[in-house]
Amino acid sequence: MTIKTTLSALFAMILLAVLPASARPTTDEFNVDTSKSTVAWTGQNIAGGKHTGTVGISKGTLVFEGEKLVGGTFTVDVNTIEVTDLAGDRATRLANHLKNEDFFDAPKFPDAVFRITKVEGAGDGFSIRGDLTIKGITKSIAFPAVVHHSGNTVHATAKGVKIDRTQFDIKYRSGNFFSGLGDRAISDEFQLDIEIFAAR
């Protein structure tokens, strides 16, 4: 084999290796605007009573290939939990209880993280699956979301995202783990309404 033939074969191998990568769509990363984005929570007891509140996003990104959402990661600051249906000392006491070891144990686990692993859908409607980590425990969850991508900005919403707290070792007053609670039992599921603003 001549040097010319060897160089031609080497060039062809390099070209085959490079072309598939260069043909793939480039990815764009959008940073979450933590001052505008919101996570609202709702928790209920078995008797029908409920509490509402918010928790802040400390950082996050959404990743797109062209117009399609393909990934992302969000970090929630558990220490920012607030109660919105109560006022004064009652709100403060409940918020502090949610942050202690009965619930989210914020001193030990200050961050909750959601990492997108799979996205299906087109246009503005998507089904999102990802890994949610709370108290160091990771579980897969899925939910529908509406994502509007316009130029350098993204607006995304996900309503009624249900989380089973007992999967993350939050068993306080769970009827599935403690008997005789009656009306004092708290639902195993809490709900999140998420609104994300992000920009490139």
Protein backbone atom coordinates (compact mmCIF):
# COMPACT_ATOMS: atom_id res chain seq x y z
CA MET A 1 0.00 0.00 0.00
CA THR A 2 1.43 3.36 -1.03
CA ILE A 3 1.72 6.35 1.29
CA LYS A 4 -0.91 8.11 -0.83
CA THR A 5 -3.35 5.22 -0.42
CA THR A 6 -2.69 5.06 3.33
CA LEU A 7 -3.31 8.79 3.74
CA SER A 8 -6.51 8.56 1.70
CA ALA A 9 -7.82 5.72 3.84
CA LEU A 10 -6.91 7.60 7.02
CA PHE A 11 -8.68 10.73 5.78
CA ALA A 12 -11.78 8.69 4.92
CA MET A 13 -11.85 7.17 8.41
CA ILE A 14 -11.56 10.62 10.03
CA LEU A 15 -14.29 11.96 7.76
CA LEU A 16 -16.66 9.12 8.67
CA ALA A 17 -16.02 9.71 12.36
CA VAL A 18 -16.55 13.47 12.17
CA LEU A 19 -19.54 13.75 9.84
CA PRO A 20 -22.17 12.09 12.09
CA ALA A 21 -21.26 14.39 14.98
CA SER A 22 -21.29 17.52 12.84
CA ALA A 23 -24.64 16.51 11.34
CA ARG A 24 -26.31 16.43 14.73
CA PRO A 25 -28.26 19.54 15.79
CA THR A 26 -26.36 21.86 18.09
CA THR A 27 -27.64 22.22 21.64
CA ASP A 28 -28.62 25.48 23.30
CA GLU A 29 -28.65 25.93 27.05
CA PHE A 30 -31.10 28.31 28.71
CA ASN A 31 -30.47 29.47 32.27
CA VAL A 32 -33.43 29.60 34.64
CA ASP A 33 -34.36 33.06 35.91
CA THR A 34 -34.67 32.20 39.60
CA SER A 35 -36.18 35.61 40.45
CA LYS A 36 -39.19 35.02 38.18
CA SER A 37 -39.61 31.23 38.26
CA THR A 38 -41.90 29.72 40.90
CA VAL A 39 -42.70 26.39 42.52
CA ALA A 40 -46.00 26.33 44.42
CA TRP A 41 -46.88 23.35 46.63
CA THR A 42 -50.12 21.99 48.08
CA GLY A 43 -50.37 19.42 50.87
CA GLN A 44 -53.60 17.88 52.17
CA ASN A 45 -54.81 15.85 55.09
CA ILE A 46 -57.29 12.99 54.91
CA ALA A 47 -60.10 15.15 56.33
CA GLY A 48 -59.88 17.49 53.34
CA GLY A 49 -57.93 20.35 54.87
CA LYS A 50 -54.91 21.66 53.02
CA HIS A 51 -51.96 24.00 53.21
CA THR A 52 -50.27 25.87 50.36
CA GLY A 53 -46.90 27.49 49.93
CA THR A 54 -43.87 28.09 47.77
CA VAL A 55 -40.26 26.96 47.53
CA GLY A 56 -37.50 28.66 45.56
CA ILE A 57 -35.37 27.42 42.68
CA SER A 58 -31.70 28.21 43.32
CA LYS A 59 -30.42 27.31 39.84
CA GLY A 60 -31.41 25.46 36.70
CA THR A 61 -31.00 24.98 32.97
CA LEU A 62 -33.11 23.82 30.02
CA VAL A 63 -31.39 22.24 27.03
CA PHE A 64 -32.76 22.38 23.48
CA GLU A 65 -31.78 20.90 20.14
CA GLY A 66 -33.25 23.40 17.73
CA GLU A 67 -36.85 23.86 18.85
CA LYS A 68 -37.02 20.62 20.82
CA LEU A 69 -36.53 20.31 24.56
CA VAL A 70 -34.06 17.50 25.26
CA GLY A 71 -32.86 17.96 28.83
CA GLY A 72 -32.40 20.10 31.88
CA THR A 73 -31.64 20.21 35.60
CA PHE A 74 -33.22 22.17 38.46
CA THR A 75 -32.12 22.64 42.04
CA VAL A 76 -34.63 23.67 44.71
CA ASP A 77 -33.47 25.34 47.94
CA VAL A 78 -35.42 23.48 50.63
CA ASN A 79 -34.60 26.19 53.17
CA THR A 80 -36.80 28.63 51.22
CA ILE A 81 -40.04 26.75 51.98
CA GLU A 82 -42.80 29.23 52.84
CA VAL A 83 -46.46 28.80 53.81
CA THR A 84 -48.96 31.05 52.01
CA ASP A 85 -52.34 30.05 53.50
CA LEU A 86 -51.37 31.07 57.04
CA ALA A 87 -49.89 34.24 58.50
CA GLY A 88 -47.56 35.28 61.28
CA ASP A 89 -46.33 32.73 63.81
CA ARG A 90 -48.60 29.98 62.48
CA ALA A 91 -47.03 30.23 59.03
CA THR A 92 -43.53 30.33 60.51
CA ARG A 93 -44.15 27.29 62.73
CA LEU A 94 -45.47 25.19 59.87
CA ALA A 95 -42.65 26.23 57.54
CA ASN A 96 -40.09 25.32 60.19
CA HIS A 97 -41.80 21.97 60.77
CA LEU A 98 -41.63 21.20 57.04
CA LYS A 99 -37.91 21.96 57.13
CA ASN A 100 -37.16 19.70 60.11
CA GLU A 101 -36.47 15.96 60.21
CA ASP A 102 -40.18 15.02 60.23
CA PHE A 103 -40.39 16.20 56.63
CA PHE A 104 -37.57 17.48 54.37
CA ASP A 105 -34.75 17.78 56.92
CA ALA A 106 -33.35 20.94 55.31
CA PRO A 107 -30.28 21.24 57.60
CA LYS A 108 -29.05 17.85 56.37
CA PHE A 109 -30.49 17.92 52.84
CA PRO A 110 -30.68 21.59 51.77
CA ASP A 111 -31.18 20.82 48.06
CA ALA A 112 -33.74 18.87 46.07
CA VAL A 113 -32.75 18.18 42.47
CA PHE A 114 -34.70 17.22 39.36
CA ARG A 115 -32.81 16.01 36.28
CA ILE A 116 -34.65 15.42 32.98
CA THR A 117 -33.87 12.01 31.48
CA LYS A 118 -36.45 11.72 28.68
CA VAL A 119 -38.67 14.10 26.72
CA GLU A 120 -41.45 13.07 24.36
CA GLY A 121 -43.74 15.29 22.33
CA ALA A 122 -43.64 18.09 19.80
CA GLY A 123 -44.75 21.69 19.46
CA ASP A 124 -45.47 23.08 22.93
CA GLY A 125 -46.76 19.91 24.62
CA PHE A 126 -44.33 17.46 26.17
CA SER A 127 -44.24 14.46 28.46
CA ILE A 128 -41.24 14.80 30.73
CA ARG A 129 -39.57 12.04 32.72
CA GLY A 130 -36.71 12.57 35.10
CA ASP A 131 -34.93 11.70 38.33
CA LEU A 132 -36.07 13.56 41.44
CA THR A 133 -33.73 13.54 44.43
CA ILE A 134 -35.10 14.49 47.87
CA LYS A 135 -33.29 13.70 51.15
CA GLY A 136 -30.60 11.90 49.16
CA ILE A 137 -33.14 9.46 47.66
CA THR A 138 -33.67 9.40 43.88
CA LYS A 139 -36.89 8.27 42.19
CA SER A 140 -38.14 8.53 38.62
CA ILE A 141 -41.22 10.70 38.04
CA ALA A 142 -43.15 11.77 34.92
CA PHE A 143 -45.56 14.61 34.18
CA PRO A 144 -46.94 16.68 31.26
CA ALA A 145 -45.61 20.17 30.60
CA VAL A 146 -46.20 23.06 28.24
CA VAL A 147 -43.00 24.64 26.91
CA HIS A 148 -42.95 27.81 24.79
CA HIS A 149 -39.60 28.43 23.10
CA SER A 150 -39.27 31.81 21.40
CA GLY A 151 -35.87 33.03 20.27
CA ASN A 152 -33.69 33.54 23.32
CA THR A 153 -36.38 32.88 25.92
CA VAL A 154 -38.34 29.91 27.28
CA HIS A 155 -41.53 29.83 29.33
CA ALA A 156 -42.51 26.42 30.73
CA THR A 157 -45.34 25.31 33.02
CA ALA A 158 -46.25 22.04 34.69
CA LYS A 159 -49.45 21.88 36.72
CA GLY A 160 -50.56 19.30 39.26
CA VAL A 161 -47.28 17.36 39.46
CA LYS A 162 -47.91 14.70 42.12
CA ILE A 163 -45.10 13.52 44.38
CA ASP A 164 -45.40 10.57 46.78
CA ARG A 165 -43.48 11.84 49.80
CA THR A 166 -43.19 8.39 51.38
CA GLN A 167 -40.88 7.31 48.53
CA PHE A 168 -38.42 9.84 49.92
CA ASP A 169 -38.65 8.65 53.53
CA ILE A 170 -41.13 11.36 54.55
CA LYS A 171 -43.59 9.26 56.54
CA TYR A 172 -44.88 11.73 59.13
CA ARG A 173 -48.57 10.97 59.83
CA SER A 174 -48.84 8.66 56.82
CA GLY A 175 -51.78 6.28 57.13
CA ASN A 176 -49.78 3.67 55.25
CA PHE A 177 -47.15 3.56 58.00
CA PHE A 178 -48.99 4.55 61.20
CA SER A 179 -52.34 3.33 62.50
CA GLY A 180 -54.97 5.17 64.54
CA LEU A 181 -54.30 8.59 63.02
CA GLY A 182 -57.90 9.21 61.98
CA ASP A 183 -58.43 12.73 60.66
CA ARG A 184 -54.86 13.63 61.65
CA ALA A 185 -53.46 11.52 58.80
CA ILE A 186 -51.73 13.46 56.02
CA SER A 187 -51.99 12.46 52.37
CA ASP A 188 -48.93 10.68 51.04
CA GLU A 189 -49.02 12.83 47.92
CA PHE A 190 -48.29 16.52 47.66
CA GLN A 191 -48.73 18.57 44.50
CA LEU A 192 -46.48 21.02 42.68
CA ASP A 193 -47.37 23.77 40.20
CA ILE A 194 -44.22 24.87 38.41
CA GLU A 195 -43.57 27.91 36.24
CA ILE A 196 -40.15 28.39 34.66
CA PHE A 197 -38.69 31.41 32.89
CA ALA A 198 -35.31 30.89 31.22
CA ALA A 199 -33.10 32.78 28.80
CA ARG A 200 -30.05 32.08 26.69
